[in-house]
N, C-alpha and C. Protein backbone atom coordinates (compact mmCIF):
# COMPACT_ATOMS: atom_id res chain seq x y z
N UNK A 1 0.64 -1.03 0.03
CA UNK A 1 -0.02 0.60 0.17
C UNK A 1 1.16 1.63 0.04
N UNK A 2 0.47 2.13 -1.68
CA UNK A 2 1.12 3.73 -0.91
C UNK A 2 0.40 4.55 -0.28
N UNK A 3 1.43 5.49 0.13
CA UNK A 3 1.06 6.76 0.92
C UNK A 3 1.11 8.10 0.27
N UNK A 4 0.58 9.00 0.60
CA UNK A 4 1.16 9.84 -1.01
C UNK A 4 2.43 10.94 0.59
N UNK A 5 3.88 11.32 -0.23
CA UNK A 5 4.35 11.64 0.77
C UNK A 5 5.73 12.10 -0.44
N UNK A 6 6.33 13.17 -0.15
CA UNK A 6 7.18 14.03 -0.60
C UNK A 6 8.61 13.17 -0.88
N UNK A 7 9.25 13.57 -2.63
CA UNK A 7 10.02 11.95 -2.19
C UNK A 7 11.46 13.47 -1.01
N UNK A 8 11.78 14.34 -1.03
CA UNK A 8 11.80 14.78 0.19
C UNK A 8 12.66 14.27 1.63
N UNK A 9 11.32 14.24 2.09
CA UNK A 9 11.28 13.17 2.69
C UNK A 9 11.76 11.52 3.39
N UNK A 10 13.18 11.69 3.19
CA UNK A 10 13.72 10.37 3.54
C UNK A 10 14.76 10.70 4.83
N UNK A 11 14.60 10.21 5.38
CA UNK A 11 15.90 9.61 6.67
C UNK A 11 17.16 8.36 6.33
N UNK A 12 17.90 8.89 5.89
CA UNK A 12 19.10 7.53 5.89
C UNK A 12 20.16 7.66 7.04
N UNK A 13 20.48 6.51 7.17
CA UNK A 13 20.88 6.22 8.39
C UNK A 13 22.21 4.64 7.73
N UNK A 14 23.42 5.04 7.32
CA UNK A 14 24.67 4.70 7.09
C UNK A 14 25.19 3.41 8.05
N UNK A 15 24.46 2.68 8.42
CA UNK A 15 25.79 1.88 9.85
C UNK A 15 27.24 1.07 8.67
N UNK A 16 27.78 0.99 9.22
CA UNK A 16 29.63 0.10 8.47
C UNK A 16 29.84 -0.92 9.51
N UNK A 17 29.35 -1.22 8.71
CA UNK A 17 29.63 -3.17 9.21
C UNK A 17 30.07 -3.43 7.70
N UNK A 18 31.25 -4.87 8.36
CA UNK A 18 31.29 -5.65 7.40
C UNK A 18 29.70 -6.24 7.06
N UNK A 19 30.00 -7.20 6.20
CA UNK A 19 28.05 -8.25 6.07
C UNK A 19 27.86 -8.92 7.45
N UNK A 20 26.87 -9.36 7.36
CA UNK A 20 26.68 -9.64 8.72
C UNK A 20 27.36 -9.73 9.71
N UNK A 21 28.33 -8.99 9.89
CA UNK A 21 29.33 -9.42 11.29
C UNK A 21 27.90 -8.16 12.75
N UNK A 22 26.54 -7.62 12.73
CA UNK A 22 25.83 -6.37 12.97
C UNK A 22 24.49 -7.48 12.75
N UNK A 23 24.07 -7.63 13.58
CA UNK A 23 22.49 -7.41 13.43
C UNK A 23 21.84 -6.47 13.56
N UNK A 24 21.10 -6.16 12.34
CA UNK A 24 20.31 -5.18 11.83
C UNK A 24 19.14 -4.47 12.81
N UNK A 25 18.63 -5.71 13.41
CA UNK A 25 17.42 -4.92 14.54
C UNK A 25 18.45 -4.10 15.29
N UNK A 26 19.59 -4.47 15.88
CA UNK A 26 19.87 -4.09 17.13
C UNK A 26 20.29 -2.26 16.41
N UNK A 27 20.58 -2.82 15.73
CA UNK A 27 21.83 -1.65 15.69
C UNK A 27 20.97 -0.47 15.18
N UNK A 28 19.97 -0.85 14.98
CA UNK A 28 19.57 0.45 14.11
C UNK A 28 18.14 1.03 15.45
N UNK A 29 17.53 0.04 15.97
CA UNK A 29 17.31 0.48 17.22
C UNK A 29 18.12 1.30 18.29
N UNK A 30 19.05 0.85 18.35
CA UNK A 30 20.41 1.92 19.30
C UNK A 30 20.47 2.77 18.39
N UNK A 31 20.20 2.87 16.80
CA UNK A 31 20.47 4.08 16.83
C UNK A 31 19.25 4.73 17.13
N UNK A 32 18.37 5.06 16.85
CA UNK A 32 17.07 5.66 16.99
C UNK A 32 17.37 5.98 19.19
N UNK A 33 17.21 5.05 19.53
CA UNK A 33 17.70 5.54 20.59
C UNK A 33 18.74 6.88 20.70
N UNK A 34 19.55 7.39 20.05
CA UNK A 34 20.78 7.83 19.91
C UNK A 34 20.33 8.93 19.77
N UNK A 35 19.70 8.96 19.20
CA UNK A 35 19.22 10.41 18.14
C UNK A 35 17.55 10.71 18.86
N UNK A 36 17.36 10.21 19.21
CA UNK A 36 16.12 10.55 20.42
C UNK A 36 16.45 11.37 21.69
N UNK A 37 17.96 11.11 21.89
CA UNK A 37 18.76 11.42 23.54
C UNK A 37 18.87 12.28 22.56
N UNK A 38 19.53 12.62 22.36
CA UNK A 38 20.08 13.84 21.53
C UNK A 38 19.55 15.51 21.29
N UNK A 39 18.26 14.67 20.48
CA UNK A 39 17.38 15.39 20.20
C UNK A 39 16.98 16.06 21.69
N UNK A 40 16.24 15.12 22.10
CA UNK A 40 15.57 15.63 23.62
C UNK A 40 16.04 16.97 24.75
N UNK A 41 17.68 16.42 24.55
CA UNK A 41 18.04 17.16 25.17
C UNK A 41 18.60 19.18 25.23
N UNK A 42 18.10 19.06 23.74
CA UNK A 42 18.02 20.61 23.59
C UNK A 42 16.71 20.80 23.72
N UNK A 43 15.03 19.84 23.93
CA UNK A 43 14.32 20.50 23.38
C UNK A 43 13.74 21.38 25.13
N UNK A 44 13.61 22.22 25.39
CA UNK A 44 12.81 22.61 27.06
C UNK A 44 11.31 22.68 26.94
N UNK A 45 11.15 22.96 25.15
CA UNK A 45 9.04 22.39 25.61
C UNK A 45 8.51 21.73 23.90
N UNK A 46 7.36 22.94 23.73
CA UNK A 46 7.40 22.56 22.77
C UNK A 46 7.56 22.50 21.59
N UNK A 47 8.25 23.85 21.58
CA UNK A 47 8.83 24.60 20.22
C UNK A 47 10.30 23.88 20.03
N UNK A 48 9.92 24.20 18.62
CA UNK A 48 11.19 23.37 17.94
C UNK A 48 11.97 24.48 17.75
N UNK A 49 13.37 23.74 17.89
CA UNK A 49 14.57 24.32 18.25
C UNK A 49 15.04 23.89 16.55
N UNK A 50 15.96 25.35 16.40
CA UNK A 50 16.52 25.64 14.63
C UNK A 50 17.40 24.59 14.52
N UNK A 51 18.22 23.95 15.09
CA UNK A 51 19.18 23.45 15.43
C UNK A 51 18.82 21.74 15.80
N UNK A 52 17.58 21.85 15.88
CA UNK A 52 17.30 20.49 16.48
C UNK A 52 16.27 19.34 15.52
N UNK A 53 17.02 19.25 14.34
CA UNK A 53 16.19 18.84 12.69
C UNK A 53 15.57 17.11 13.65
N UNK A 54 16.62 16.16 14.16
CA UNK A 54 16.18 15.08 14.38
C UNK A 54 14.80 15.22 15.13
N UNK A 55 13.95 16.11 15.21
CA UNK A 55 12.77 16.29 15.76
C UNK A 55 11.65 16.95 14.89
N UNK A 56 12.29 16.74 14.04
CA UNK A 56 11.45 17.37 13.11
C UNK A 56 11.34 17.74 11.72
N UNK A 57 12.31 17.64 11.38
CA UNK A 57 12.40 16.89 10.11
C UNK A 57 13.88 16.10 9.37
N UNK A 58 13.22 15.94 7.87
CA UNK A 58 14.42 14.96 7.69
C UNK A 58 15.53 15.91 6.68
N UNK A 59 15.30 16.75 6.51
CA UNK A 59 16.76 17.79 5.19
C UNK A 59 17.54 18.74 6.48
N UNK A 60 18.57 18.83 6.04
CA UNK A 60 19.04 19.42 6.83
C UNK A 60 21.15 19.19 7.10
N UNK A 61 21.49 19.56 8.34
CA UNK A 61 23.43 19.32 8.29
C UNK A 61 22.58 17.22 8.99
N UNK A 62 23.85 16.75 8.44
CA UNK A 62 23.84 15.06 9.06
C UNK A 62 24.13 15.59 10.45
N UNK A 63 24.40 14.12 11.23
CA UNK A 63 24.51 14.12 12.21
C UNK A 63 25.24 12.94 12.68
N UNK A 64 26.16 12.78 13.28
CA UNK A 64 27.16 11.59 13.10
C UNK A 64 28.14 11.34 14.04
N UNK A 65 27.72 9.86 14.60
CA UNK A 65 28.22 9.06 16.08
C UNK A 65 28.71 7.58 16.17
N UNK A 66 29.51 7.82 16.22
CA UNK A 66 29.71 6.72 16.12
C UNK A 66 29.67 5.52 17.78
N UNK A 67 29.04 4.37 17.00
CA UNK A 67 28.35 3.79 18.21
C UNK A 67 29.05 2.27 17.94
N UNK A 68 28.67 1.44 18.41
CA UNK A 68 29.85 0.55 18.02
C UNK A 68 30.26 0.20 16.08
N UNK A 69 28.97 -0.28 15.65
CA UNK A 69 29.67 -0.77 13.47
C UNK A 69 28.91 -0.07 13.74
N UNK A 70 28.34 1.43 13.80
CA UNK A 70 28.25 2.01 13.62
C UNK A 70 27.89 3.79 13.09
N UNK A 71 27.84 4.32 11.79
CA UNK A 71 28.20 5.59 11.18
C UNK A 71 27.38 6.79 10.93
N UNK A 72 27.20 7.04 10.11
CA UNK A 72 27.41 8.97 10.03
C UNK A 72 25.59 8.17 9.50
N UNK A 73 24.86 9.40 10.63
CA UNK A 73 23.37 9.13 10.28
C UNK A 73 22.08 10.30 9.53
N UNK A 74 21.37 10.33 8.83
CA UNK A 74 20.78 11.96 8.58
C UNK A 74 19.18 10.94 10.21
N UNK A 75 18.65 12.35 9.41
CA UNK A 75 17.45 12.68 10.53
C UNK A 75 15.90 11.90 10.18
N UNK A 76 15.92 11.83 11.91
CA UNK A 76 14.45 11.32 12.08
C UNK A 76 13.51 11.79 12.33
N UNK A 77 11.97 12.19 11.93
CA UNK A 77 11.21 12.31 12.15
C UNK A 77 11.08 12.41 13.27
N UNK A 78 11.01 11.89 14.92
CA UNK A 78 9.89 11.69 15.34
C UNK A 78 9.45 12.06 16.11
N UNK A 79 9.54 13.73 16.68
CA UNK A 79 8.99 13.88 17.53
C UNK A 79 7.82 14.88 16.95
N UNK A 80 6.92 15.15 15.25
CA UNK A 80 6.84 16.53 15.19
C UNK A 80 4.98 15.56 14.62
N UNK A 81 3.67 15.75 15.09
CA UNK A 81 3.16 15.67 15.68
C UNK A 81 1.40 15.45 14.82
N UNK A 82 1.58 16.23 12.77
CA UNK A 82 1.91 16.33 11.85
C UNK A 82 2.31 15.34 11.03
N UNK A 83 2.71 14.10 11.42
CA UNK A 83 3.69 12.89 10.77
C UNK A 83 2.42 11.58 11.63
N UNK A 84 2.13 10.90 10.12
CA UNK A 84 1.30 10.07 11.12
C UNK A 84 1.35 9.33 9.63
N UNK A 85 2.68 9.07 9.18
CA UNK A 85 2.83 8.02 9.01
C UNK A 85 4.38 7.41 7.68
N UNK A 86 4.64 6.07 8.08
CA UNK A 86 6.06 6.22 8.03
C UNK A 86 6.34 4.73 7.59
N UNK A 87 7.97 4.70 6.51
CA UNK A 87 7.27 2.99 6.52
C UNK A 87 9.42 2.92 6.26
N UNK A 88 9.99 1.83 7.20
CA UNK A 88 11.32 1.97 6.60
C UNK A 88 11.35 0.60 6.33
N UNK A 89 12.61 0.33 5.57
CA UNK A 89 13.42 -0.88 5.47
C UNK A 89 14.95 -0.44 5.52
N UNK A 90 15.19 -1.75 5.30
CA UNK A 90 16.96 -2.01 5.52
C UNK A 90 17.46 -2.77 4.54
N UNK A 91 18.95 -2.31 4.06
CA UNK A 91 19.42 -3.32 2.63
C UNK A 91 21.03 -2.83 3.27
N UNK A 92 21.89 -4.54 3.46
CA UNK A 92 23.00 -4.17 2.59
C UNK A 92 23.74 -3.82 1.67
N UNK A 93 24.83 -3.06 1.75
CA UNK A 93 25.88 -2.21 -0.31
C UNK A 93 27.35 -2.30 0.80
N UNK A 94 28.06 -3.04 -0.02
CA UNK A 94 29.25 -2.54 0.10
C UNK A 94 30.19 -2.79 1.21
N UNK A 95 29.29 -3.28 2.12
CA UNK A 95 29.70 -2.81 3.81
C UNK A 95 29.07 -2.40 4.55
N UNK A 96 28.25 -1.45 4.49
CA UNK A 96 27.77 -1.12 4.84
C UNK A 96 26.33 -1.24 4.99
N UNK A 97 25.02 -1.26 6.01
CA UNK A 97 23.35 -1.23 6.30
C UNK A 97 23.67 0.01 6.34
N UNK A 98 22.13 -0.35 5.42
CA UNK A 98 21.95 1.39 5.66
C UNK A 98 20.29 0.60 5.19
N UNK A 99 19.31 1.91 5.96
CA UNK A 99 18.49 1.89 7.01
C UNK A 99 17.69 3.49 7.08
N UNK A 100 16.71 3.37 5.57
CA UNK A 100 15.33 4.57 5.19
C UNK A 100 14.75 4.61 5.61
N UNK A 101 14.12 5.17 6.12
CA UNK A 101 12.57 5.88 6.45
C UNK A 101 11.56 6.34 5.80
N UNK A 102 10.42 6.59 4.95
CA UNK A 102 10.25 7.78 4.19
C UNK A 102 8.70 8.07 5.40
N UNK A 103 8.86 9.04 5.00
CA UNK A 103 7.47 9.74 6.69
C UNK A 103 6.18 10.70 5.10
N UNK A 104 5.16 11.09 6.03
CA UNK A 104 4.42 10.89 4.56
C UNK A 104 3.89 13.06 5.23
N UNK A 105 4.74 13.50 6.28
CA UNK A 105 4.35 15.01 6.04
C UNK A 105 5.99 15.66 6.41
N UNK A 106 6.40 16.87 6.29
CA UNK A 106 7.73 17.47 6.48
C UNK A 106 7.75 18.26 7.15
N UNK A 107 8.93 18.67 8.56
CA UNK A 107 8.59 18.80 9.28
C UNK A 107 9.11 19.81 9.52
N UNK A 108 9.51 20.44 8.45
CA UNK A 108 11.14 21.78 8.32
C UNK A 108 10.14 22.94 8.47
N UNK A 109 8.76 23.15 7.66
CA UNK A 109 8.52 24.82 8.85
C UNK A 109 7.67 24.19 9.52
N UNK A 110 7.11 23.76 10.15
CA UNK A 110 6.54 23.20 11.72
C UNK A 110 7.04 24.51 12.70
N UNK A 111 6.63 25.34 13.66
CA UNK A 111 7.08 26.17 14.42
C UNK A 111 7.30 25.55 16.38
N UNK A 112 5.95 24.44 16.33
CA UNK A 112 6.31 23.28 16.75
C UNK A 112 5.31 21.93 16.56
N UNK A 113 6.20 21.62 17.43
CA UNK A 113 6.61 20.34 17.67
C UNK A 113 5.25 18.60 17.68
N UNK A 114 4.98 19.58 18.43
CA UNK A 114 2.87 18.96 18.45
C UNK A 114 2.08 19.64 19.38
N UNK A 115 1.07 19.81 20.19
CA UNK A 115 0.84 21.04 20.58
C UNK A 115 0.94 20.71 22.45
N UNK A 116 1.10 21.89 22.82
CA UNK A 116 1.35 21.75 24.74
C UNK A 116 0.61 21.52 25.64
N UNK A 117 -0.37 20.52 26.64
CA UNK A 117 -1.45 19.99 27.41
C UNK A 117 -0.76 20.22 28.70
N UNK A 118 -1.86 20.05 29.51
CA UNK A 118 -1.59 19.97 30.70
C UNK A 118 -1.70 18.50 31.13
N UNK A 119 -1.27 18.57 32.59
CA UNK A 119 -0.30 17.04 32.99
C UNK A 119 -2.13 16.46 32.75
N UNK A 120 -2.46 15.37 33.05
CA UNK A 120 -3.03 14.06 32.68
C UNK A 120 -4.10 14.23 31.13
N UNK A 121 -3.62 15.28 30.29
CA UNK A 121 -4.44 15.70 29.20
C UNK A 121 -3.74 15.21 27.29
N UNK A 122 -3.02 13.81 27.85
CA UNK A 122 -2.81 12.73 26.63
C UNK A 122 -3.63 12.25 26.12
N UNK A 123 -3.48 13.03 24.68
CA UNK A 123 -4.70 12.40 23.81
C UNK A 123 -5.78 13.10 24.37
N UNK A 124 -5.83 14.77 24.59
CA UNK A 124 -7.03 15.31 24.46
C UNK A 124 -7.28 16.10 23.47
N UNK A 125 -7.01 16.24 22.28
CA UNK A 125 -6.68 17.23 20.81
C UNK A 125 -6.43 16.21 19.90
N UNK A 126 -6.58 14.86 20.45
CA UNK A 126 -6.90 13.32 19.33
C UNK A 126 -7.81 13.93 17.88
N UNK A 127 -8.00 14.10 16.51
CA UNK A 127 -8.26 14.62 15.89
C UNK A 127 -10.25 13.69 15.97
N UNK A 128 -10.84 14.14 15.51
CA UNK A 128 -12.08 13.47 15.93
C UNK A 128 -12.27 12.01 14.80
N UNK A 129 -12.81 11.04 15.48
CA UNK A 129 -12.61 9.80 14.65
C UNK A 129 -11.62 8.96 15.01
N UNK A 130 -10.87 9.62 16.17
CA UNK A 130 -9.83 8.60 15.86
C UNK A 130 -9.91 7.70 17.66
N UNK A 131 -8.87 6.85 17.71
CA UNK A 131 -8.27 6.85 19.34
C UNK A 131 -7.18 7.01 19.40
N UNK A 132 -7.59 6.38 21.01
CA UNK A 132 -5.76 6.35 21.86
C UNK A 132 -5.39 5.45 22.53
N UNK A 133 -4.61 5.04 21.92
CA UNK A 133 -3.85 3.41 21.38
C UNK A 133 -2.59 3.82 22.57
N UNK A 134 -2.66 3.31 23.90
CA UNK A 134 -1.13 3.66 24.40
C UNK A 134 -0.63 4.53 23.97
N UNK A 135 -1.50 6.11 25.09
CA UNK A 135 -0.74 7.18 25.00
C UNK A 135 -1.03 7.93 23.17
N UNK A 136 -1.09 7.57 22.53
CA UNK A 136 -0.94 8.28 21.01
C UNK A 136 -2.24 7.74 20.33
N UNK A 137 -2.20 8.97 20.00
CA UNK A 137 -3.43 9.27 18.40
C UNK A 137 -3.57 8.32 17.58
N UNK A 138 -4.67 7.41 17.72
CA UNK A 138 -4.37 6.06 16.37
C UNK A 138 -5.14 6.76 15.34
N UNK A 139 -4.81 7.92 14.06
CA UNK A 139 -4.88 8.28 12.94
C UNK A 139 -5.07 7.37 11.54
N UNK A 140 -6.56 7.17 11.10
CA UNK A 140 -5.93 6.03 9.96
C UNK A 140 -5.84 6.78 8.73
N UNK A 141 -5.31 6.54 8.01
CA UNK A 141 -4.36 6.61 6.65
C UNK A 141 -4.43 6.89 5.03
N UNK A 142 -4.69 7.42 4.79
CA UNK A 142 -6.15 7.72 3.69
C UNK A 142 -5.05 6.91 2.63
N UNK A 143 -5.08 5.87 1.82
CA UNK A 143 -4.10 5.45 1.49
C UNK A 143 -4.16 5.47 -0.20
N UNK A 144 -3.33 5.82 -1.38
CA UNK A 144 -2.96 7.08 -2.21
C UNK A 144 -2.08 6.12 -3.30
N UNK A 145 -3.26 5.58 -4.25
CA UNK A 145 -2.79 4.44 -4.91
C UNK A 145 -2.10 5.01 -6.16
N UNK A 146 -0.69 4.54 -6.45
CA UNK A 146 -0.18 4.59 -7.95
C UNK A 146 -0.78 4.79 -9.05
N UNK A 147 -0.14 5.63 -10.03
CA UNK A 147 -0.08 5.90 -11.07
C UNK A 147 0.31 5.24 -12.27
N UNK A 148 -0.21 4.69 -12.41
CA UNK A 148 -0.08 3.89 -14.29
C UNK A 148 -0.32 3.93 -15.75
N UNK A 149 1.19 3.73 -16.33
CA UNK A 149 0.45 4.32 -17.62
C UNK A 149 0.66 2.86 -18.25
N UNK A 150 0.88 1.32 -17.93
CA UNK A 150 0.45 0.41 -18.53
C UNK A 150 -1.22 -0.39 -18.18
N UNK A 151 -1.37 0.42 -17.02
CA UNK A 151 -2.56 -0.52 -16.93
C UNK A 151 -3.35 1.06 -16.77
N UNK A 152 -4.08 1.87 -17.90
CA UNK A 152 -4.86 2.89 -17.06
C UNK A 152 -5.80 2.67 -16.99
N UNK A 153 -7.01 2.09 -17.36
CA UNK A 153 -8.29 2.06 -16.26
C UNK A 153 -8.24 1.48 -14.39
N UNK A 154 -7.39 1.20 -13.98
CA UNK A 154 -6.61 0.62 -13.07
C UNK A 154 -7.04 1.10 -12.14
N UNK A 155 -6.85 2.44 -11.66
CA UNK A 155 -7.40 3.36 -11.05
C UNK A 155 -9.28 3.02 -10.75
N UNK A 156 -9.96 2.14 -11.49
CA UNK A 156 -11.46 2.24 -10.82
C UNK A 156 -11.29 0.61 -10.57
N UNK A 157 -10.29 -0.03 -10.51
CA UNK A 157 -10.86 -1.70 -9.95
C UNK A 157 -9.76 -1.76 -9.50
N UNK A 158 -9.49 -2.77 -8.23
CA UNK A 158 -8.89 -3.48 -6.98
C UNK A 158 -6.82 -3.29 -7.57
N UNK A 159 -6.85 -2.89 -9.21
CA UNK A 159 -5.17 -3.37 -9.79
C UNK A 159 -4.84 -2.21 -9.52
N UNK A 160 -6.07 -1.41 -9.07
CA UNK A 160 -4.41 0.27 -9.19
C UNK A 160 -3.64 -0.02 -7.92
N UNK A 161 -3.78 -1.10 -6.99
CA UNK A 161 -3.11 -0.97 -6.24
C UNK A 161 -1.37 -1.85 -6.72
N UNK A 162 -1.41 -2.35 -7.63
CA UNK A 162 0.04 -2.88 -8.59
C UNK A 162 0.66 -1.62 -9.08
N UNK A 163 1.80 -1.74 -8.62
CA UNK A 163 2.70 -0.76 -9.08
C UNK A 163 2.95 -1.14 -11.05
N UNK A 164 3.25 -0.24 -11.92
CA UNK A 164 4.22 -0.32 -12.52
C UNK A 164 4.99 -1.47 -12.77
N UNK A 165 6.30 -1.20 -11.68
CA UNK A 165 7.69 -1.46 -11.44
C UNK A 165 7.12 -3.19 -11.60
N UNK A 166 6.22 -3.19 -10.34
CA UNK A 166 5.47 -4.62 -9.92
C UNK A 166 4.88 -5.37 -11.76
N UNK A 167 4.59 -4.57 -12.28
CA UNK A 167 4.42 -5.41 -13.28
C UNK A 167 5.33 -5.83 -14.54
N UNK A 168 6.25 -5.45 -15.09
CA UNK A 168 7.31 -4.85 -15.34
C UNK A 168 8.36 -6.36 -15.25
N UNK A 169 8.43 -5.94 -13.77
CA UNK A 169 8.89 -7.27 -13.22
C UNK A 169 8.55 -9.11 -13.73
N UNK A 170 7.13 -8.42 -13.72
CA UNK A 170 6.26 -10.01 -13.24
C UNK A 170 6.45 -10.72 -15.06
N UNK A 171 5.87 -9.10 -16.20
CA UNK A 171 5.79 -10.22 -17.09
C UNK A 171 7.71 -10.32 -17.28
N UNK A 172 8.23 -9.68 -17.27
CA UNK A 172 10.01 -9.84 -17.66
C UNK A 172 10.22 -10.34 -17.14
N UNK A 173 10.21 -11.47 -16.51
CA UNK A 173 10.45 -12.80 -16.01
C UNK A 173 10.03 -13.67 -16.56
N UNK A 174 8.65 -13.99 -16.47
CA UNK A 174 7.87 -14.79 -17.38
C UNK A 174 9.38 -14.46 -18.58
N UNK A 175 8.99 -13.46 -19.09
CA UNK A 175 9.87 -13.86 -20.86
C UNK A 175 10.65 -14.35 -20.66
N UNK A 176 11.91 -13.66 -19.98
CA UNK A 176 13.31 -14.51 -19.34
C UNK A 176 13.18 -15.48 -19.70
N UNK A 177 12.59 -17.05 -19.37
CA UNK A 177 12.19 -17.99 -18.63
C UNK A 177 11.56 -18.63 -20.50
N UNK A 178 11.31 -18.12 -20.77
CA UNK A 178 10.29 -17.96 -22.06
C UNK A 178 11.40 -17.99 -23.20
N UNK A 179 12.40 -17.69 -23.09
CA UNK A 179 14.08 -17.14 -24.10
C UNK A 179 14.48 -18.09 -23.92
N UNK A 180 15.03 -18.53 -22.16
CA UNK A 180 15.35 -19.15 -22.25
C UNK A 180 14.89 -20.60 -23.24
N UNK A 181 13.76 -21.19 -22.87
CA UNK A 181 12.92 -22.00 -23.26
C UNK A 181 13.27 -22.35 -25.03
N UNK A 182 12.68 -21.08 -25.53
CA UNK A 182 12.48 -20.25 -27.37
C UNK A 182 14.33 -21.58 -27.37
N UNK A 183 14.97 -21.02 -26.80
CA UNK A 183 17.25 -21.09 -27.81
C UNK A 183 17.31 -21.72 -27.49
N UNK A 184 16.94 -22.41 -26.64
CA UNK A 184 17.36 -24.33 -26.18
C UNK A 184 18.44 -24.00 -25.03
N UNK A 185 17.69 -22.71 -24.12
CA UNK A 185 19.30 -23.41 -23.15
C UNK A 185 18.12 -23.29 -21.47
N UNK A 186 17.02 -24.07 -21.96
CA UNK A 186 16.20 -24.01 -20.30
C UNK A 186 16.43 -25.38 -20.08
N UNK A 187 17.37 -26.06 -19.05
CA UNK A 187 17.25 -26.69 -18.05
C UNK A 187 15.73 -27.77 -17.75
N UNK A 188 16.15 -28.80 -18.22
CA UNK A 188 15.13 -30.02 -18.38
C UNK A 188 15.61 -31.41 -17.56
N UNK A 189 15.05 -31.93 -16.86
CA UNK A 189 16.07 -32.86 -16.12
C UNK A 189 17.14 -34.25 -16.54
N UNK A 190 15.35 -34.38 -16.98
CA UNK A 190 15.47 -35.49 -18.02
C UNK A 190 16.35 -35.04 -19.05
N UNK A 191 16.54 -34.12 -19.45
CA UNK A 191 17.62 -34.62 -21.57
C UNK A 191 18.81 -33.77 -21.00
N UNK A 192 18.73 -32.23 -19.96
CA UNK A 192 20.43 -31.53 -19.74
C UNK A 192 19.06 -29.97 -20.59
N UNK A 193 19.10 -30.04 -21.60
CA UNK A 193 18.28 -29.08 -22.09
C UNK A 193 16.50 -29.34 -22.32
N UNK A 194 16.00 -28.75 -21.80
CA UNK A 194 14.53 -28.65 -23.79
C UNK A 194 14.94 -28.38 -24.15
N UNK A 195 13.98 -29.15 -25.78
CA UNK A 195 14.37 -28.75 -26.98
C UNK A 195 13.73 -27.24 -27.59
N UNK A 196 13.82 -27.40 -28.07
CA UNK A 196 14.25 -26.04 -28.39
C UNK A 196 12.34 -25.72 -28.66
N UNK A 197 11.72 -24.51 -27.88
CA UNK A 197 10.12 -23.73 -27.91
C UNK A 197 9.92 -23.62 -29.72
N UNK A 198 9.76 -23.96 -30.94
CA UNK A 198 9.23 -23.18 -31.95
C UNK A 198 7.89 -22.12 -31.37
N UNK A 199 8.10 -20.48 -32.51
CA UNK A 199 7.25 -19.37 -31.96
C UNK A 199 6.00 -19.39 -30.42
N UNK A 200 7.24 -19.55 -30.40
CA UNK A 200 6.70 -18.84 -28.75
C UNK A 200 6.39 -17.34 -28.32
N UNK A 201 5.69 -16.55 -27.81
CA UNK A 201 5.16 -15.54 -27.95
C UNK A 201 5.47 -14.63 -26.51
N UNK A 202 6.22 -13.70 -26.85
CA UNK A 202 6.57 -12.42 -25.75
C UNK A 202 4.78 -12.91 -24.99
N UNK A 203 5.40 -12.03 -23.93
CA UNK A 203 3.56 -12.38 -23.00
C UNK A 203 3.86 -10.73 -23.10
N UNK A 204 2.23 -9.84 -23.09
CA UNK A 204 2.50 -8.00 -22.75
C UNK A 204 1.85 -8.66 -21.70
N UNK A 205 1.16 -7.13 -21.14
CA UNK A 205 0.26 -7.59 -19.76
C UNK A 205 -0.63 -7.10 -19.86
N UNK A 206 -1.80 -7.61 -19.54
CA UNK A 206 -3.33 -7.67 -20.41
C UNK A 206 -4.29 -6.73 -19.28
N UNK A 207 -4.64 -5.39 -19.10
CA UNK A 207 -5.08 -5.23 -18.60
C UNK A 207 -6.33 -6.64 -17.85
N UNK A 208 -7.46 -6.21 -18.60
CA UNK A 208 -8.32 -7.19 -18.68
C UNK A 208 -8.54 -8.26 -17.32
N UNK A 209 -7.42 -8.69 -17.29
CA UNK A 209 -6.27 -10.34 -16.97
C UNK A 209 -6.44 -9.83 -14.83
N UNK A 210 -5.75 -9.10 -15.56
CA UNK A 210 -5.26 -7.92 -13.75
C UNK A 210 -6.92 -7.40 -13.15
N UNK A 211 -8.12 -7.23 -14.15
CA UNK A 211 -8.86 -6.61 -12.86
C UNK A 211 -9.46 -8.38 -12.34
N UNK A 212 -9.19 -8.80 -13.51
CA UNK A 212 -10.21 -10.09 -12.94
C UNK A 212 -9.56 -10.60 -11.56
N UNK A 213 -8.78 -9.66 -11.17
CA UNK A 213 -7.67 -11.95 -9.39
C UNK A 213 -8.62 -10.72 -8.97
């Protein structure tokens, strides 16, 4: 499911480590704790501090912290009350562990990180229709379907949730193996290689079949 976001709303953490020498989950947890601790130390109240980007935005100066096998971090939008959607993932690349998060709101222009309340007013100003879950407002997200140039009528069906990248990958892999069969390079358990397939057509993305799914 895809949610609306701006391309700039990214938080990147580069963790220097040899492949599999660190537990990715443990290292990201430590990184987030360090960023929160450093940001909280600068905050006196709900007003955003100009040089405390960790709490409100993701574009700006980089934050460097050496903890075990971790290295440079960029910002996490951790305390911005306007943000209610986040998606994160990680991957190994040339000996470094990269963790990336995408947020659905930009906190760079915010003056207050959250609404200041009195003691006991937790969730007192949650949006109408939302619930309070362990001290946080549970606000429903509105999904935004990706735009398709392959399946132009997808917006009117459940096929709207399929991205064009997925369509191209699925069709491309089918055709890759069909080409192996057509050119005599498809492995066969009995003969070593299957006989060439004559006149095997290339597959194309068919919108009607996607609507059936």
